[in-house]
């Protein structure tokens, strides 16, 4: 099985850097210590080394397979997409304290970014009282990394803010079949 991974990889000076969020694998930037036989190795004293075998490299993507040496590593292939530098934007776009219609492909939802780390959604309102008590807190994090403006939303892979036109914020996802995403502010 292949999954889009909820973190960002950067290749610089013969090393791989991995950036995630608090909702993922910790918000620090992990640096690979070495490459061994087409394997990226992130040393981790507490939980054991994380090793990822490079399965396929294409012009727009990288597929890795976890080697299962860390007690926290799941065994499946992880897909990373190359992101073009022309998807960077320079506009200041505020989300906190605002409600948006979130369109992604055909489904539509309403997101309210309550704070800089929590949000609510109208799809949560459709849950029963028991389901709501069992539900996890909905978290999100905004990450500006290497000039790219990412939104990590709990339970999904990151989306990239690529610009704003009027009240609509255009988003890009880098899944295999890229979907049209947008946030349109509700006043």
N, C-alpha and C. Protein backbone atom coordinates (compact mmCIF):
# COMPACT_ATOMS: atom_id res chain seq x y z
N UNK A 1 0.83 -1.18 0.00
CA UNK A 1 0.00 0.00 0.00
C UNK A 1 0.87 1.25 0.00
N UNK A 2 0.44 2.29 -0.71
CA UNK A 2 1.20 3.53 -0.71
C UNK A 2 0.36 4.63 -0.08
N UNK A 3 1.00 5.42 0.78
CA UNK A 3 0.34 6.51 1.47
C UNK A 3 1.13 7.79 1.30
N UNK A 4 0.44 8.91 1.18
CA UNK A 4 1.13 10.20 1.25
C UNK A 4 1.50 10.40 2.71
N UNK A 5 2.70 10.83 2.94
CA UNK A 5 3.22 10.94 4.30
C UNK A 5 2.99 12.33 4.86
N UNK A 6 2.58 12.45 6.14
CA UNK A 6 2.32 13.78 6.70
C UNK A 6 3.58 14.48 7.21
N UNK A 7 4.60 14.49 6.38
CA UNK A 7 5.78 15.28 6.69
C UNK A 7 6.44 15.70 5.39
N UNK A 8 7.51 16.49 5.52
CA UNK A 8 8.16 17.09 4.36
C UNK A 8 9.62 16.65 4.36
N UNK A 9 10.12 16.23 3.22
CA UNK A 9 11.53 15.87 3.09
C UNK A 9 12.24 16.92 2.25
N UNK A 10 13.47 17.26 2.67
CA UNK A 10 14.32 18.17 1.92
C UNK A 10 15.68 17.51 1.78
N UNK A 11 16.25 17.59 0.59
CA UNK A 11 17.57 17.03 0.34
C UNK A 11 18.57 18.17 0.19
N UNK A 12 19.60 18.19 1.06
CA UNK A 12 20.61 19.24 1.01
C UNK A 12 21.96 18.68 1.45
N UNK A 13 22.99 19.02 0.73
CA UNK A 13 24.35 18.68 1.12
C UNK A 13 24.53 17.22 1.52
N UNK A 14 23.95 16.32 0.76
CA UNK A 14 24.12 14.91 1.01
C UNK A 14 23.35 14.36 2.20
N UNK A 15 22.43 15.13 2.73
CA UNK A 15 21.61 14.69 3.86
C UNK A 15 20.13 14.87 3.52
N UNK A 16 19.29 14.16 4.26
CA UNK A 16 17.85 14.29 4.12
C UNK A 16 17.32 14.90 5.41
N UNK A 17 16.48 15.92 5.29
CA UNK A 17 15.86 16.55 6.45
C UNK A 17 14.37 16.26 6.41
N UNK A 18 13.81 15.87 7.54
CA UNK A 18 12.39 15.54 7.63
C UNK A 18 11.72 16.50 8.60
N UNK A 19 10.68 17.18 8.14
CA UNK A 19 9.93 18.13 8.97
C UNK A 19 8.50 17.63 9.09
N UNK A 20 8.02 17.54 10.32
CA UNK A 20 6.66 17.11 10.57
C UNK A 20 6.03 18.09 11.55
N UNK A 21 4.92 17.71 12.13
CA UNK A 21 4.26 18.56 13.12
C UNK A 21 4.11 17.81 14.42
N UNK A 22 3.62 18.49 15.44
CA UNK A 22 3.38 17.84 16.73
C UNK A 22 2.38 16.71 16.59
N UNK A 23 1.47 16.81 15.62
CA UNK A 23 0.47 15.77 15.40
C UNK A 23 1.07 14.53 14.75
N UNK A 24 2.22 14.72 14.09
CA UNK A 24 2.87 13.60 13.41
C UNK A 24 3.94 12.98 14.29
N UNK A 25 5.18 13.18 13.88
CA UNK A 25 6.28 12.52 14.56
C UNK A 25 7.14 13.50 15.34
N UNK A 26 6.59 14.58 15.78
CA UNK A 26 7.37 15.59 16.49
C UNK A 26 7.69 16.73 15.56
N UNK A 27 7.67 17.96 16.06
CA UNK A 27 7.81 19.11 15.18
C UNK A 27 9.25 19.48 14.89
N UNK A 28 10.20 18.79 15.49
CA UNK A 28 11.59 19.11 15.19
C UNK A 28 11.94 18.67 13.77
N UNK A 29 13.01 19.22 13.27
CA UNK A 29 13.50 18.80 11.97
C UNK A 29 14.52 17.71 12.22
N UNK A 30 14.25 16.52 11.67
CA UNK A 30 15.18 15.40 11.82
C UNK A 30 16.14 15.43 10.65
N UNK A 31 17.41 15.13 10.95
CA UNK A 31 18.44 15.11 9.92
C UNK A 31 18.96 13.68 9.80
N UNK A 32 19.02 13.19 8.56
CA UNK A 32 19.57 11.85 8.37
C UNK A 32 21.06 11.87 8.66
N UNK A 33 21.53 10.81 9.24
CA UNK A 33 22.95 10.74 9.55
C UNK A 33 23.76 10.07 8.46
N UNK A 34 23.07 9.21 7.70
CA UNK A 34 23.82 8.51 6.66
C UNK A 34 22.88 7.86 5.65
N UNK A 35 23.46 7.52 4.49
CA UNK A 35 22.81 6.68 3.49
C UNK A 35 23.57 5.36 3.48
N UNK A 36 22.85 4.26 3.51
CA UNK A 36 23.48 2.94 3.45
C UNK A 36 22.71 2.10 2.45
N UNK A 37 23.36 1.68 1.37
CA UNK A 37 22.71 0.83 0.36
C UNK A 37 21.32 1.33 -0.03
N UNK A 38 21.23 2.56 -0.51
CA UNK A 38 19.96 3.18 -0.93
C UNK A 38 18.95 3.27 0.21
N UNK A 39 19.44 3.39 1.43
CA UNK A 39 18.58 3.51 2.60
C UNK A 39 18.91 4.81 3.33
N UNK A 40 17.87 5.57 3.66
CA UNK A 40 18.03 6.80 4.45
C UNK A 40 17.93 6.39 5.91
N UNK A 41 18.88 6.83 6.72
CA UNK A 41 18.89 6.46 8.14
C UNK A 41 18.79 7.71 9.00
N UNK A 42 17.74 7.76 9.86
CA UNK A 42 17.60 8.80 10.88
C UNK A 42 17.92 8.13 12.21
N UNK A 43 19.01 8.55 12.86
CA UNK A 43 19.37 7.94 14.14
C UNK A 43 18.44 8.45 15.23
N UNK A 44 17.98 7.54 16.07
CA UNK A 44 17.10 7.89 17.17
C UNK A 44 17.47 7.01 18.36
N UNK A 45 18.10 7.61 19.36
CA UNK A 45 18.59 6.86 20.51
C UNK A 45 17.44 6.25 21.31
N UNK A 46 16.33 7.00 21.47
CA UNK A 46 15.22 6.55 22.30
C UNK A 46 14.45 5.38 21.70
N UNK A 47 14.15 5.44 20.42
CA UNK A 47 13.28 4.41 19.83
C UNK A 47 13.97 3.55 18.77
N UNK A 48 15.23 3.74 18.56
CA UNK A 48 15.94 2.98 17.54
C UNK A 48 15.97 3.75 16.23
N UNK A 49 16.94 3.42 15.40
CA UNK A 49 17.10 4.11 14.13
C UNK A 49 15.86 3.92 13.26
N UNK A 50 15.52 4.97 12.50
CA UNK A 50 14.47 4.88 11.50
C UNK A 50 15.17 4.72 10.16
N UNK A 51 14.82 3.67 9.43
CA UNK A 51 15.45 3.40 8.14
C UNK A 51 14.39 3.33 7.07
N UNK A 52 14.66 3.99 5.94
CA UNK A 52 13.72 4.02 4.83
C UNK A 52 14.46 3.63 3.55
N UNK A 53 14.05 2.55 2.95
CA UNK A 53 14.64 2.06 1.70
C UNK A 53 14.04 2.86 0.55
N UNK A 54 14.90 3.35 -0.33
CA UNK A 54 14.43 4.07 -1.52
C UNK A 54 13.96 3.04 -2.54
N UNK A 55 12.65 3.03 -2.81
CA UNK A 55 12.05 2.06 -3.72
C UNK A 55 12.08 2.58 -5.16
N UNK A 56 11.70 3.83 -5.34
CA UNK A 56 11.59 4.39 -6.69
C UNK A 56 11.84 5.89 -6.64
N UNK A 57 12.60 6.38 -7.60
CA UNK A 57 12.83 7.82 -7.75
C UNK A 57 12.37 8.19 -9.15
N UNK A 58 11.42 9.12 -9.22
CA UNK A 58 10.97 9.62 -10.51
C UNK A 58 11.17 11.13 -10.52
N UNK A 59 10.90 11.77 -11.65
CA UNK A 59 11.17 13.21 -11.74
C UNK A 59 10.30 14.03 -10.79
N UNK A 60 9.11 13.51 -10.41
CA UNK A 60 8.22 14.28 -9.54
C UNK A 60 7.90 13.60 -8.21
N UNK A 61 8.53 12.43 -7.94
CA UNK A 61 8.18 11.75 -6.70
C UNK A 61 9.28 10.81 -6.22
N UNK A 62 9.14 10.43 -4.98
CA UNK A 62 10.06 9.51 -4.32
C UNK A 62 9.21 8.54 -3.51
N UNK A 63 9.48 7.25 -3.63
CA UNK A 63 8.75 6.24 -2.87
C UNK A 63 9.74 5.57 -1.93
N UNK A 64 9.39 5.57 -0.64
CA UNK A 64 10.22 4.95 0.38
C UNK A 64 9.45 3.83 1.05
N UNK A 65 10.16 2.85 1.56
CA UNK A 65 9.55 1.78 2.33
C UNK A 65 10.26 1.73 3.67
N UNK A 66 9.49 1.81 4.75
CA UNK A 66 10.10 1.74 6.06
C UNK A 66 10.66 0.35 6.28
N UNK A 67 11.81 0.29 6.91
CA UNK A 67 12.48 -1.00 7.11
C UNK A 67 12.06 -1.67 8.40
N UNK A 68 11.24 -1.00 9.21
CA UNK A 68 10.67 -1.63 10.40
C UNK A 68 11.62 -1.80 11.55
N UNK A 69 12.70 -1.03 11.60
CA UNK A 69 13.65 -1.19 12.70
C UNK A 69 13.25 -0.39 13.93
N UNK A 70 12.48 0.65 13.77
CA UNK A 70 12.00 1.44 14.90
C UNK A 70 10.72 0.83 15.43
N UNK A 71 10.54 0.84 16.74
CA UNK A 71 9.32 0.27 17.30
C UNK A 71 8.08 1.11 16.96
N UNK A 72 8.28 2.33 16.42
CA UNK A 72 7.16 3.20 16.07
C UNK A 72 6.91 3.23 14.56
N UNK A 73 7.66 2.47 13.79
CA UNK A 73 7.56 2.51 12.35
C UNK A 73 6.55 1.49 11.83
N UNK A 74 5.62 1.95 11.02
CA UNK A 74 4.67 1.06 10.35
C UNK A 74 5.27 0.63 9.02
N UNK A 75 4.92 -0.55 8.58
CA UNK A 75 5.50 -1.08 7.35
C UNK A 75 4.59 -0.82 6.16
N UNK A 76 4.84 0.21 5.42
CA UNK A 76 4.17 0.45 4.16
C UNK A 76 4.98 1.47 3.38
N UNK A 77 4.67 1.58 2.09
CA UNK A 77 5.40 2.51 1.26
C UNK A 77 4.87 3.93 1.47
N UNK A 78 5.80 4.88 1.44
CA UNK A 78 5.46 6.28 1.65
C UNK A 78 5.85 7.06 0.40
N UNK A 79 4.93 7.88 -0.07
CA UNK A 79 5.14 8.63 -1.30
C UNK A 79 5.40 10.09 -0.96
N UNK A 80 6.45 10.63 -1.53
CA UNK A 80 6.76 12.05 -1.38
C UNK A 80 6.77 12.67 -2.77
N UNK A 81 6.12 13.82 -2.91
CA UNK A 81 6.04 14.51 -4.20
C UNK A 81 7.00 15.70 -4.20
N UNK A 82 7.62 15.92 -5.33
CA UNK A 82 8.45 17.10 -5.50
C UNK A 82 7.53 18.30 -5.67
N UNK A 83 7.87 19.39 -5.01
CA UNK A 83 7.03 20.60 -5.08
C UNK A 83 7.81 21.69 -5.79
N UNK A 84 7.20 22.25 -6.81
CA UNK A 84 7.83 23.29 -7.62
C UNK A 84 7.95 24.59 -6.83
N UNK A 85 9.07 25.27 -7.01
CA UNK A 85 9.29 26.56 -6.33
C UNK A 85 8.27 27.61 -6.72
N UNK A 86 7.61 27.48 -7.87
CA UNK A 86 6.62 28.49 -8.26
C UNK A 86 5.34 28.40 -7.44
N UNK A 87 5.25 27.42 -6.51
CA UNK A 87 4.08 27.32 -5.63
C UNK A 87 4.26 28.12 -4.33
N UNK A 88 5.37 28.81 -4.20
CA UNK A 88 5.57 29.68 -3.03
C UNK A 88 4.77 30.96 -3.24
N UNK A 89 4.33 31.56 -2.13
CA UNK A 89 3.64 32.85 -2.22
C UNK A 89 4.23 33.79 -1.17
N UNK A 90 4.01 35.07 -1.34
CA UNK A 90 4.57 36.05 -0.42
C UNK A 90 3.50 36.81 0.36
N UNK A 91 2.24 36.50 0.12
CA UNK A 91 1.14 37.22 0.74
C UNK A 91 0.92 36.74 2.17
N UNK A 92 0.60 37.67 3.08
CA UNK A 92 0.26 37.29 4.46
C UNK A 92 -1.21 36.89 4.48
N UNK A 93 -1.46 35.63 4.83
CA UNK A 93 -2.81 35.09 4.83
C UNK A 93 -3.14 34.61 6.24
N UNK A 94 -4.14 35.22 6.86
CA UNK A 94 -4.54 34.86 8.22
C UNK A 94 -5.66 33.82 8.20
N UNK A 95 -5.57 32.84 9.11
CA UNK A 95 -6.60 31.82 9.23
C UNK A 95 -7.26 31.82 10.61
N UNK A 96 -6.49 32.16 11.64
CA UNK A 96 -6.97 32.04 13.02
C UNK A 96 -8.16 32.96 13.28
N UNK A 97 -9.19 32.37 13.91
CA UNK A 97 -10.39 33.11 14.26
C UNK A 97 -11.36 33.27 13.09
N UNK A 98 -11.12 32.57 12.00
CA UNK A 98 -11.96 32.71 10.81
C UNK A 98 -12.60 31.37 10.45
N UNK A 99 -13.77 31.47 9.78
CA UNK A 99 -14.47 30.29 9.27
C UNK A 99 -14.34 30.28 7.75
N UNK A 100 -14.20 29.05 7.22
CA UNK A 100 -14.02 28.89 5.79
C UNK A 100 -14.86 27.72 5.28
N UNK A 101 -15.32 27.85 4.05
CA UNK A 101 -15.84 26.69 3.33
C UNK A 101 -14.62 26.02 2.73
N UNK A 102 -14.44 24.74 3.05
CA UNK A 102 -13.30 23.97 2.56
C UNK A 102 -13.79 23.05 1.44
N UNK A 103 -13.34 23.34 0.23
CA UNK A 103 -13.73 22.53 -0.93
C UNK A 103 -12.53 21.67 -1.32
N UNK A 104 -12.76 20.38 -1.41
CA UNK A 104 -11.70 19.47 -1.86
C UNK A 104 -12.34 18.44 -2.76
N UNK A 105 -12.04 18.56 -4.04
CA UNK A 105 -12.68 17.77 -5.07
C UNK A 105 -14.18 18.04 -5.02
N UNK A 106 -15.02 17.05 -4.75
CA UNK A 106 -16.46 17.31 -4.64
C UNK A 106 -16.92 17.54 -3.21
N UNK A 107 -16.34 16.86 -2.20
CA UNK A 107 -16.82 17.10 -0.84
C UNK A 107 -16.60 18.55 -0.39
N UNK A 108 -17.51 19.02 0.42
CA UNK A 108 -17.41 20.38 0.98
C UNK A 108 -17.63 20.28 2.48
N UNK A 109 -16.86 21.05 3.23
CA UNK A 109 -17.00 21.09 4.67
C UNK A 109 -16.77 22.54 5.10
N UNK A 110 -17.08 22.84 6.35
CA UNK A 110 -16.80 24.15 6.90
C UNK A 110 -15.79 23.99 8.01
N UNK A 111 -14.69 24.75 7.94
CA UNK A 111 -13.65 24.71 8.96
C UNK A 111 -13.62 26.03 9.70
N UNK A 112 -13.49 25.96 11.02
CA UNK A 112 -13.32 27.15 11.84
C UNK A 112 -12.00 26.98 12.58
N UNK A 113 -11.02 27.82 12.22
CA UNK A 113 -9.71 27.78 12.86
C UNK A 113 -9.79 28.58 14.16
N UNK A 114 -10.16 27.89 15.25
CA UNK A 114 -10.40 28.54 16.55
C UNK A 114 -9.15 29.23 17.08
N UNK A 115 -8.06 28.48 17.13
CA UNK A 115 -6.79 29.02 17.62
C UNK A 115 -5.71 28.65 16.61
N UNK A 116 -4.46 28.90 16.98
CA UNK A 116 -3.37 28.54 16.07
C UNK A 116 -3.07 27.04 16.09
N UNK A 117 -3.87 26.26 16.84
CA UNK A 117 -3.62 24.82 16.87
C UNK A 117 -4.89 23.95 16.91
N UNK A 118 -6.07 24.55 17.07
CA UNK A 118 -7.30 23.76 17.09
C UNK A 118 -8.29 24.31 16.07
N UNK A 119 -9.14 23.40 15.59
CA UNK A 119 -10.18 23.80 14.65
C UNK A 119 -11.41 22.95 14.88
N UNK A 120 -12.52 23.40 14.35
CA UNK A 120 -13.74 22.59 14.37
C UNK A 120 -14.26 22.52 12.93
N UNK A 121 -15.17 21.58 12.73
CA UNK A 121 -15.68 21.34 11.40
C UNK A 121 -17.15 20.97 11.48
N UNK A 122 -17.92 21.32 10.46
CA UNK A 122 -19.34 20.98 10.49
C UNK A 122 -19.55 19.48 10.39
N UNK A 123 -18.61 18.74 9.80
CA UNK A 123 -18.77 17.28 9.75
C UNK A 123 -18.75 16.68 11.14
N UNK A 124 -18.11 17.34 12.10
CA UNK A 124 -18.14 16.88 13.50
C UNK A 124 -19.54 17.04 14.09
N UNK A 125 -20.28 18.03 13.63
CA UNK A 125 -21.63 18.26 14.15
C UNK A 125 -22.58 17.11 13.81
N UNK A 126 -22.23 16.33 12.79
CA UNK A 126 -23.09 15.23 12.37
C UNK A 126 -22.89 13.97 13.21
N UNK A 127 -21.87 14.00 14.09
CA UNK A 127 -21.61 12.85 14.94
C UNK A 127 -22.62 12.79 16.09
N UNK A 128 -22.87 11.60 16.58
CA UNK A 128 -23.74 11.45 17.75
C UNK A 128 -23.02 11.97 18.99
N UNK A 129 -23.74 12.18 20.06
CA UNK A 129 -23.14 12.68 21.31
C UNK A 129 -22.05 11.73 21.80
N UNK A 130 -22.28 10.45 21.68
CA UNK A 130 -21.28 9.46 22.12
C UNK A 130 -20.04 9.53 21.23
N UNK A 131 -20.24 9.64 19.91
CA UNK A 131 -19.10 9.75 19.00
C UNK A 131 -18.29 11.01 19.27
N UNK A 132 -18.97 12.11 19.58
CA UNK A 132 -18.26 13.36 19.87
C UNK A 132 -17.39 13.23 21.12
N UNK A 133 -17.88 12.52 22.14
CA UNK A 133 -17.09 12.33 23.36
C UNK A 133 -15.86 11.47 23.08
N UNK A 134 -15.98 10.54 22.13
CA UNK A 134 -14.87 9.66 21.81
C UNK A 134 -13.90 10.28 20.81
N UNK A 135 -14.31 11.34 20.14
CA UNK A 135 -13.49 11.95 19.09
C UNK A 135 -12.26 12.63 19.69
N UNK A 136 -11.19 12.62 18.93
CA UNK A 136 -9.98 13.30 19.34
C UNK A 136 -10.15 14.80 19.11
N UNK A 137 -9.32 15.61 19.80
CA UNK A 137 -9.30 17.03 19.50
C UNK A 137 -8.84 17.20 18.06
N UNK A 138 -9.44 18.13 17.37
CA UNK A 138 -9.04 18.41 16.00
C UNK A 138 -7.93 19.44 16.03
N UNK A 139 -6.79 19.07 15.51
CA UNK A 139 -5.63 19.96 15.56
C UNK A 139 -5.14 20.28 14.16
N UNK A 140 -4.47 21.41 14.07
CA UNK A 140 -3.85 21.82 12.83
C UNK A 140 -2.60 22.62 13.17
N UNK A 141 -1.72 22.72 12.23
CA UNK A 141 -0.52 23.52 12.42
C UNK A 141 -0.13 24.14 11.09
N UNK A 142 0.26 25.37 11.13
CA UNK A 142 0.75 26.08 9.95
C UNK A 142 2.26 26.05 9.99
N UNK A 143 2.89 25.63 8.93
CA UNK A 143 4.33 25.49 8.89
C UNK A 143 4.87 26.23 7.67
N UNK A 144 5.74 27.20 7.90
CA UNK A 144 6.44 27.86 6.81
C UNK A 144 7.81 27.22 6.75
N UNK A 145 8.07 26.51 5.67
CA UNK A 145 9.30 25.73 5.56
C UNK A 145 9.93 25.97 4.19
N UNK A 146 11.15 26.47 4.22
CA UNK A 146 11.88 26.72 2.97
C UNK A 146 11.09 27.63 2.03
N UNK A 147 10.28 28.54 2.59
CA UNK A 147 9.49 29.47 1.78
C UNK A 147 8.14 28.94 1.34
N UNK A 148 7.84 27.68 1.66
CA UNK A 148 6.54 27.09 1.35
C UNK A 148 5.63 27.23 2.57
N UNK A 149 4.35 27.45 2.34
CA UNK A 149 3.38 27.70 3.40
C UNK A 149 2.42 26.51 3.50
N UNK A 150 2.68 25.60 4.44
CA UNK A 150 1.91 24.37 4.60
C UNK A 150 0.87 24.48 5.70
N UNK A 151 -0.22 23.76 5.54
CA UNK A 151 -1.19 23.54 6.62
C UNK A 151 -1.23 22.03 6.85
N UNK A 152 -0.86 21.63 8.06
CA UNK A 152 -0.99 20.24 8.47
C UNK A 152 -2.31 20.15 9.24
N UNK A 153 -3.25 19.35 8.76
CA UNK A 153 -4.54 19.16 9.41
C UNK A 153 -4.58 17.73 9.91
N UNK A 154 -4.93 17.55 11.19
CA UNK A 154 -4.89 16.22 11.78
C UNK A 154 -5.65 15.20 10.94
N UNK A 155 -5.02 14.05 10.79
CA UNK A 155 -5.66 12.95 10.08
C UNK A 155 -5.50 12.98 8.58
N UNK A 156 -4.84 14.00 8.03
CA UNK A 156 -4.64 14.06 6.58
C UNK A 156 -3.20 14.43 6.28
N UNK A 157 -2.84 14.39 5.02
CA UNK A 157 -1.52 14.85 4.62
C UNK A 157 -1.56 16.37 4.49
N UNK A 158 -0.40 17.03 4.50
CA UNK A 158 -0.39 18.50 4.44
C UNK A 158 -0.91 19.03 3.11
N UNK A 159 -1.45 20.24 3.14
CA UNK A 159 -1.77 20.97 1.92
C UNK A 159 -0.92 22.23 1.91
N UNK A 160 -0.68 22.73 0.74
CA UNK A 160 0.18 23.88 0.55
C UNK A 160 -0.67 25.08 0.13
N UNK A 161 -0.51 26.20 0.83
CA UNK A 161 -1.17 27.44 0.43
C UNK A 161 -0.38 28.01 -0.74
N UNK A 162 -1.04 28.21 -1.88
CA UNK A 162 -0.32 28.70 -3.06
C UNK A 162 -0.73 30.12 -3.45
N UNK A 163 -1.71 30.69 -2.76
CA UNK A 163 -2.10 32.06 -3.05
C UNK A 163 -3.51 32.35 -2.61
N UNK A 164 -3.89 33.61 -2.79
CA UNK A 164 -5.23 34.04 -2.41
C UNK A 164 -5.75 34.99 -3.47
N UNK A 165 -7.02 34.78 -3.83
CA UNK A 165 -7.71 35.66 -4.78
C UNK A 165 -9.01 36.07 -4.12
N UNK A 166 -9.13 37.32 -3.72
CA UNK A 166 -10.32 37.77 -3.01
C UNK A 166 -10.45 37.06 -1.69
N UNK A 167 -11.59 36.42 -1.46
CA UNK A 167 -11.84 35.70 -0.20
C UNK A 167 -11.42 34.23 -0.27
N UNK A 168 -10.92 33.80 -1.42
CA UNK A 168 -10.59 32.38 -1.62
C UNK A 168 -9.09 32.14 -1.56
N UNK A 169 -8.71 31.19 -0.70
CA UNK A 169 -7.32 30.77 -0.57
C UNK A 169 -7.17 29.48 -1.37
N UNK A 170 -6.25 29.49 -2.31
CA UNK A 170 -6.02 28.32 -3.15
C UNK A 170 -4.99 27.41 -2.52
N UNK A 171 -5.30 26.11 -2.52
CA UNK A 171 -4.45 25.12 -1.89
C UNK A 171 -4.00 24.08 -2.91
N UNK A 172 -2.89 23.45 -2.63
CA UNK A 172 -2.35 22.39 -3.48
C UNK A 172 -2.05 21.19 -2.60
N UNK A 173 -2.50 20.03 -3.04
CA UNK A 173 -2.08 18.81 -2.34
C UNK A 173 -1.19 18.04 -3.30
N UNK A 174 -0.36 17.24 -2.76
CA UNK A 174 0.58 16.54 -3.63
C UNK A 174 0.36 15.03 -3.58
N UNK A 175 -0.92 14.66 -3.53
CA UNK A 175 -1.26 13.25 -3.64
C UNK A 175 -1.14 12.83 -5.10
N UNK A 176 -1.25 11.55 -5.35
CA UNK A 176 -1.06 11.03 -6.71
C UNK A 176 -2.03 11.68 -7.69
N UNK A 177 -3.32 11.72 -7.32
CA UNK A 177 -4.30 12.42 -8.13
C UNK A 177 -4.59 13.74 -7.42
N UNK A 178 -3.88 14.78 -7.81
CA UNK A 178 -4.03 16.06 -7.13
C UNK A 178 -5.45 16.60 -7.29
N UNK A 179 -6.03 17.05 -6.20
CA UNK A 179 -7.39 17.57 -6.21
C UNK A 179 -7.37 19.09 -6.08
N UNK A 180 -8.43 19.72 -6.53
CA UNK A 180 -8.58 21.15 -6.33
C UNK A 180 -9.06 21.38 -4.91
N UNK A 181 -8.31 22.16 -4.16
CA UNK A 181 -8.64 22.49 -2.79
C UNK A 181 -8.76 24.01 -2.69
N UNK A 182 -9.67 24.47 -1.85
CA UNK A 182 -9.73 25.91 -1.59
C UNK A 182 -10.41 26.16 -0.26
N UNK A 183 -10.09 27.26 0.34
CA UNK A 183 -10.75 27.77 1.53
C UNK A 183 -11.36 29.11 1.16
N UNK A 184 -12.69 29.25 1.31
CA UNK A 184 -13.34 30.52 1.03
C UNK A 184 -13.89 31.05 2.33
N UNK A 185 -13.45 32.24 2.71
CA UNK A 185 -13.85 32.79 4.01
C UNK A 185 -15.34 33.08 4.07
N UNK A 186 -15.94 32.71 5.19
CA UNK A 186 -17.35 33.04 5.49
C UNK A 186 -17.36 34.30 6.34
N UNK A 187 -18.15 35.25 5.98
CA UNK A 187 -18.23 36.51 6.76
C UNK A 187 -19.45 36.51 7.61
